[in-house]
Amino acid sequence: MALTRDVISDGALVIQQSENGYRFGLDAVLLATDIPELPFQGRVVDLGAGTGAVGLMVAKRRPDVTVEALEVQPSLFELLQTNIAENDVQKQMSAVRGDVRQHQLLLTAHSADLVLMNPPYYRVGQGRVSPDRERAGAHQELLGTLRDFVVAAQYVLKPRGFLKVVLPPLRLSDLMLEVRKTDFSPSTARFIHAKPDRDAYLMEWVFRRGGALQLSVLPPLILNEGDAGFTTEVRNRFAGAALEERR
């Protein structure tokens, strides 16, 4: 399998990933940045971690927290382990191989302050199925449904803990349906547009376990400003995605 070595935050983080298989994208950077405030020595769980980009960005920014990354696909899990070792965060970040549907056997109940997840965007039979096994498993609900991810998040989160989700708007009704079956309350919602005159194609939601209903709909995040490339906020999120925060 041909691999690439991709850098984040000017080389602060290096991610090995398949050249032709599943690759992390902008949604991973959005998921890993602008997250709820974590307590000192807090605990983060990344559900469906892939090659580890999301969890590694959080680990690099917050060396005091621990990160547990769950991934089921063998090839992605192997790269997840490699990336943890190469970025020298073995004492802080652990990889757990397994199916999100088996979360009770793999994760500790009520142990996380924050869960991050970027579940498969499409139900089985919806959207184009990639001929590549890695991509198909990451993009289609072949290895776990949105409900499975929400249930796992509820299981692992502490009371008052936060869940952050990035999904396309076409899954909004599904997300709300599943969240209503839990004790999650929506905290913030933000819609992401490629350009100001384009429909939103992604959304960021933050929920709190056991929190009061105090939903704030944030101003939209615009990715590109004409021919100038990414907007200032997006450039800043990329630049600081893996740089240690000053506390």
Protein backbone atom coordinates (compact mmCIF):
# COMPACT_ATOMS: atom_id res chain seq x y z
CA MET A 1 0.00 0.00 0.00
CA ALA A 2 1.48 3.33 -1.10
CA LEU A 3 1.54 5.89 1.70
CA THR A 4 1.90 9.65 1.93
CA ARG A 5 3.24 11.72 4.82
CA ASP A 6 1.06 14.77 5.32
CA VAL A 7 1.89 17.60 7.70
CA ILE A 8 -0.35 19.82 9.82
CA SER A 9 0.54 23.12 11.49
CA ASP A 10 3.83 23.54 9.63
CA GLY A 11 5.09 20.08 10.52
CA ALA A 12 4.02 19.99 14.16
CA LEU A 13 2.06 16.85 13.27
CA VAL A 14 2.81 14.24 10.59
CA ILE A 15 0.10 11.83 9.41
CA GLN A 16 0.87 8.74 7.38
CA GLN A 17 -2.09 7.66 5.29
CA SER A 18 -2.93 5.67 2.21
CA GLU A 19 -2.28 7.42 -1.07
CA ASN A 20 -5.38 5.94 -2.69
CA GLY A 21 -7.53 4.73 0.22
CA TYR A 22 -9.24 6.64 3.02
CA ARG A 23 -7.66 10.05 3.74
CA PHE A 24 -8.55 12.64 6.37
CA GLY A 25 -9.91 15.93 5.08
CA LEU A 26 -11.01 19.37 6.15
CA ASP A 27 -13.82 17.88 8.24
CA ALA A 28 -11.20 16.32 10.54
CA VAL A 29 -9.56 19.70 11.15
CA LEU A 30 -12.96 21.26 11.84
CA LEU A 31 -13.86 18.47 14.27
CA ALA A 32 -10.57 18.70 16.16
CA THR A 33 -10.51 22.50 16.52
CA ASP A 34 -12.85 24.96 18.24
CA ILE A 35 -13.83 22.28 20.75
CA PRO A 36 -15.49 22.79 24.16
CA GLU A 37 -13.15 23.73 27.00
CA LEU A 38 -11.45 20.70 28.51
CA PRO A 39 -10.53 20.43 32.18
CA PHE A 40 -6.88 19.99 33.15
CA GLN A 41 -5.97 16.33 32.65
CA GLY A 42 -9.28 15.76 30.90
CA ARG A 43 -10.11 12.71 28.81
CA VAL A 44 -11.12 12.68 25.12
CA VAL A 45 -12.52 9.77 23.11
CA ASP A 46 -12.41 9.78 19.30
CA LEU A 47 -14.98 7.37 17.82
CA GLY A 48 -14.07 6.11 14.35
CA ALA A 49 -10.56 7.52 14.51
CA GLY A 50 -9.27 6.42 11.11
CA THR A 51 -5.54 7.16 10.96
CA GLY A 52 -5.77 9.33 14.06
CA ALA A 53 -5.75 12.88 12.68
CA VAL A 54 -8.47 14.22 15.00
CA GLY A 55 -7.17 12.73 18.24
CA LEU A 56 -3.57 13.61 17.41
CA MET A 57 -4.43 17.26 16.81
CA VAL A 58 -6.11 17.43 20.22
CA ALA A 59 -3.22 15.60 21.89
CA LYS A 60 -0.65 17.96 20.41
CA ARG A 61 -2.57 21.05 21.51
CA ARG A 62 -3.27 19.76 25.01
CA PRO A 63 -0.38 17.62 26.34
CA ASP A 64 -2.14 17.35 29.71
CA VAL A 65 -5.17 15.44 28.38
CA THR A 66 -5.44 11.77 27.44
CA VAL A 67 -6.98 10.64 24.17
CA GLU A 68 -8.47 7.23 23.38
CA ALA A 69 -8.99 6.50 19.67
CA LEU A 70 -11.34 3.73 18.56
CA GLU A 71 -11.00 2.29 15.04
CA VAL A 72 -12.32 -0.96 13.57
CA GLN A 73 -10.67 -1.25 10.13
CA PRO A 74 -7.38 -3.19 10.39
CA SER A 75 -5.43 -1.15 7.82
CA LEU A 76 -6.50 2.16 9.37
CA PHE A 77 -5.82 0.88 12.87
CA GLU A 78 -2.27 -0.06 11.88
CA LEU A 79 -1.67 3.46 10.58
CA LEU A 80 -3.29 4.90 13.71
CA GLN A 81 -0.74 3.07 15.85
CA THR A 82 2.09 4.19 13.55
CA ASN A 83 1.01 7.83 13.72
CA ILE A 84 0.75 7.78 17.51
CA ALA A 85 4.30 6.43 17.74
CA GLU A 86 5.76 8.71 15.08
CA ASN A 87 4.33 11.80 16.76
CA ASP A 88 5.65 10.64 20.14
CA VAL A 89 2.36 10.76 22.05
CA GLN A 90 2.27 7.11 23.19
CA LYS A 91 2.05 8.10 26.87
CA GLN A 92 -0.88 10.36 26.18
CA MET A 93 -2.86 8.69 23.38
CA SER A 94 -3.97 5.09 23.05
CA ALA A 95 -5.44 3.17 20.12
CA VAL A 96 -8.30 0.71 20.65
CA ARG A 97 -9.18 -1.67 17.83
CA GLY A 98 -12.82 -2.57 17.71
CA ASP A 99 -16.35 -1.99 16.52
CA VAL A 100 -18.28 0.99 17.89
CA ARG A 101 -21.20 -1.42 18.34
CA GLN A 102 -19.09 -3.27 20.93
CA HIS A 103 -18.35 -0.11 22.92
CA GLN A 104 -19.29 -1.66 26.27
CA LEU A 105 -16.51 -4.22 25.85
CA LEU A 106 -13.94 -1.71 24.62
CA LEU A 107 -14.48 1.57 26.48
CA THR A 108 -14.99 2.64 30.07
CA ALA A 109 -18.41 3.99 30.95
CA HIS A 110 -18.70 7.64 32.05
CA SER A 111 -14.96 8.25 31.60
CA ALA A 112 -14.74 10.99 28.95
CA ASP A 113 -15.07 14.75 29.22
CA LEU A 114 -15.38 15.07 25.43
CA VAL A 115 -16.30 12.71 22.61
CA LEU A 116 -15.44 13.64 19.03
CA MET A 117 -16.99 11.85 16.09
CA ASN A 118 -17.30 12.18 12.35
CA PRO A 119 -19.61 9.19 11.63
CA PRO A 120 -20.21 7.77 8.15
CA TYR A 121 -22.08 10.35 6.11
CA TYR A 122 -24.37 7.96 4.26
CA ARG A 123 -26.76 5.17 5.13
CA VAL A 124 -26.27 1.89 3.29
CA GLY A 125 -27.72 2.37 -0.20
CA GLN A 126 -27.38 6.15 -0.06
CA GLY A 127 -24.68 7.97 -2.02
CA ARG A 128 -21.97 6.45 -4.20
CA VAL A 129 -20.20 3.47 -2.69
CA SER A 130 -16.44 3.66 -3.16
CA PRO A 131 -14.76 0.57 -4.65
CA ASP A 132 -12.03 1.08 -2.05
CA ARG A 133 -12.82 -0.88 1.13
CA GLU A 134 -11.32 1.73 3.49
CA ARG A 135 -13.27 4.60 1.95
CA ALA A 136 -16.49 2.60 1.75
CA GLY A 137 -16.25 1.65 5.43
CA ALA A 138 -15.56 5.26 6.44
CA HIS A 139 -18.25 6.87 4.30
CA GLN A 140 -21.11 4.34 4.42
CA GLU A 141 -22.80 2.82 7.48
CA LEU A 142 -21.27 -0.59 6.81
CA LEU A 143 -19.49 -0.81 10.18
CA GLY A 144 -21.89 1.08 12.41
CA THR A 145 -24.85 3.43 12.05
CA LEU A 146 -25.27 6.97 13.31
CA ARG A 147 -27.38 5.50 16.13
CA ASP A 148 -24.50 3.20 17.10
CA PHE A 149 -22.15 6.17 17.37
CA VAL A 150 -24.58 8.25 19.44
CA VAL A 151 -25.24 5.34 21.82
CA ALA A 152 -21.50 4.77 22.25
CA ALA A 153 -20.95 8.47 22.94
CA GLN A 154 -23.62 8.48 25.64
CA TYR A 155 -22.08 5.39 27.22
CA VAL A 156 -18.56 6.79 27.48
CA LEU A 157 -19.35 10.42 28.41
CA LYS A 158 -19.40 11.70 31.96
CA PRO A 159 -22.47 13.61 33.11
CA ARG A 160 -22.09 17.19 31.83
CA GLY A 161 -19.55 15.98 29.27
CA PHE A 162 -19.62 17.21 25.68
CA LEU A 163 -20.15 15.51 22.33
CA LYS A 164 -19.00 17.23 19.13
CA VAL A 165 -20.20 15.92 15.76
CA VAL A 166 -19.45 16.93 12.17
CA LEU A 167 -21.96 15.68 9.57
CA PRO A 168 -23.59 16.87 6.34
CA PRO A 169 -26.99 18.59 6.66
CA LEU A 170 -28.71 15.65 4.97
CA ARG A 171 -28.23 13.76 8.27
CA LEU A 172 -29.72 16.51 10.45
CA SER A 173 -33.10 14.83 10.96
CA ASP A 174 -31.40 11.49 11.68
CA LEU A 175 -29.06 13.11 14.21
CA MET A 176 -31.89 14.87 16.02
CA LEU A 177 -33.94 11.66 16.09
CA GLU A 178 -31.12 9.72 17.73
CA VAL A 179 -30.16 12.48 20.16
CA ARG A 180 -33.76 12.70 21.41
CA LYS A 181 -33.42 9.11 22.63
CA THR A 182 -30.54 10.13 24.94
CA ASP A 183 -29.93 12.65 27.71
CA PHE A 184 -27.98 14.95 25.35
CA SER A 185 -29.05 18.57 24.99
CA PRO A 186 -27.88 20.64 22.00
CA SER A 187 -25.43 23.37 22.99
CA THR A 188 -24.26 24.94 19.73
CA ALA A 189 -24.90 24.46 16.01
CA ARG A 190 -22.93 25.90 13.12
CA PHE A 191 -23.33 25.42 9.40
CA ILE A 192 -20.35 25.31 7.07
CA HIS A 193 -20.42 26.77 3.54
CA ALA A 194 -17.77 26.47 0.83
CA LYS A 195 -18.60 30.06 -0.23
CA PRO A 196 -21.07 32.70 1.00
CA ASP A 197 -23.50 32.04 -1.85
CA ARG A 198 -23.41 28.23 -1.54
CA ASP A 199 -25.68 26.01 0.50
CA ALA A 200 -24.18 24.56 3.66
CA TYR A 201 -22.51 21.21 3.04
CA LEU A 202 -21.36 20.40 6.58
CA MET A 203 -22.55 21.18 10.08
CA GLU A 204 -20.85 21.25 13.49
CA TRP A 205 -23.01 20.30 16.48
CA VAL A 206 -22.03 20.30 20.14
CA PHE A 207 -24.22 18.50 22.68
CA ARG A 208 -23.93 18.29 26.45
CA ARG A 209 -24.86 15.23 28.45
CA GLY A 210 -27.51 16.23 30.97
CA GLY A 211 -27.21 19.90 30.12
CA ALA A 212 -30.04 22.42 30.03
CA LEU A 213 -31.54 23.26 26.66
CA GLN A 214 -29.60 26.39 25.69
CA LEU A 215 -28.99 26.04 21.96
CA SER A 216 -26.98 28.77 20.25
CA VAL A 217 -26.94 28.83 16.45
CA LEU A 218 -23.56 30.34 15.63
CA PRO A 219 -22.75 32.48 12.57
CA PRO A 220 -21.98 30.32 9.52
CA LEU A 221 -18.42 29.27 8.84
CA ILE A 222 -17.41 30.28 5.32
CA LEU A 223 -14.44 28.30 4.01
CA ASN A 224 -13.32 30.32 1.00
CA GLU A 225 -13.26 34.02 0.18
CA GLY A 226 -13.28 34.39 -3.60
CA ASP A 227 -9.91 33.75 -5.23
CA ALA A 228 -8.04 34.43 -1.98
CA GLY A 229 -8.41 30.84 -0.75
CA PHE A 230 -9.42 29.93 2.78
CA THR A 231 -10.93 32.57 5.05
CA THR A 232 -8.95 33.86 8.01
CA GLU A 233 -10.75 31.62 10.51
CA VAL A 234 -10.11 28.48 8.48
CA ARG A 235 -6.44 29.38 7.96
CA ASN A 236 -6.09 29.98 11.70
CA ARG A 237 -7.73 26.65 12.52
CA PHE A 238 -5.34 24.84 10.18
CA ALA A 239 -2.30 26.73 11.48
CA GLY A 240 -3.07 26.07 15.14
CA ALA A 241 -4.59 22.60 14.78
CA ALA A 242 -1.54 20.84 16.26
CA LEU A 243 0.23 23.60 18.18
CA GLU A 244 0.31 23.48 21.97
CA GLU A 245 -2.09 25.94 23.53
CA ARG A 246 -0.76 28.55 25.89
CA ARG A 247 -2.49 28.19 29.24
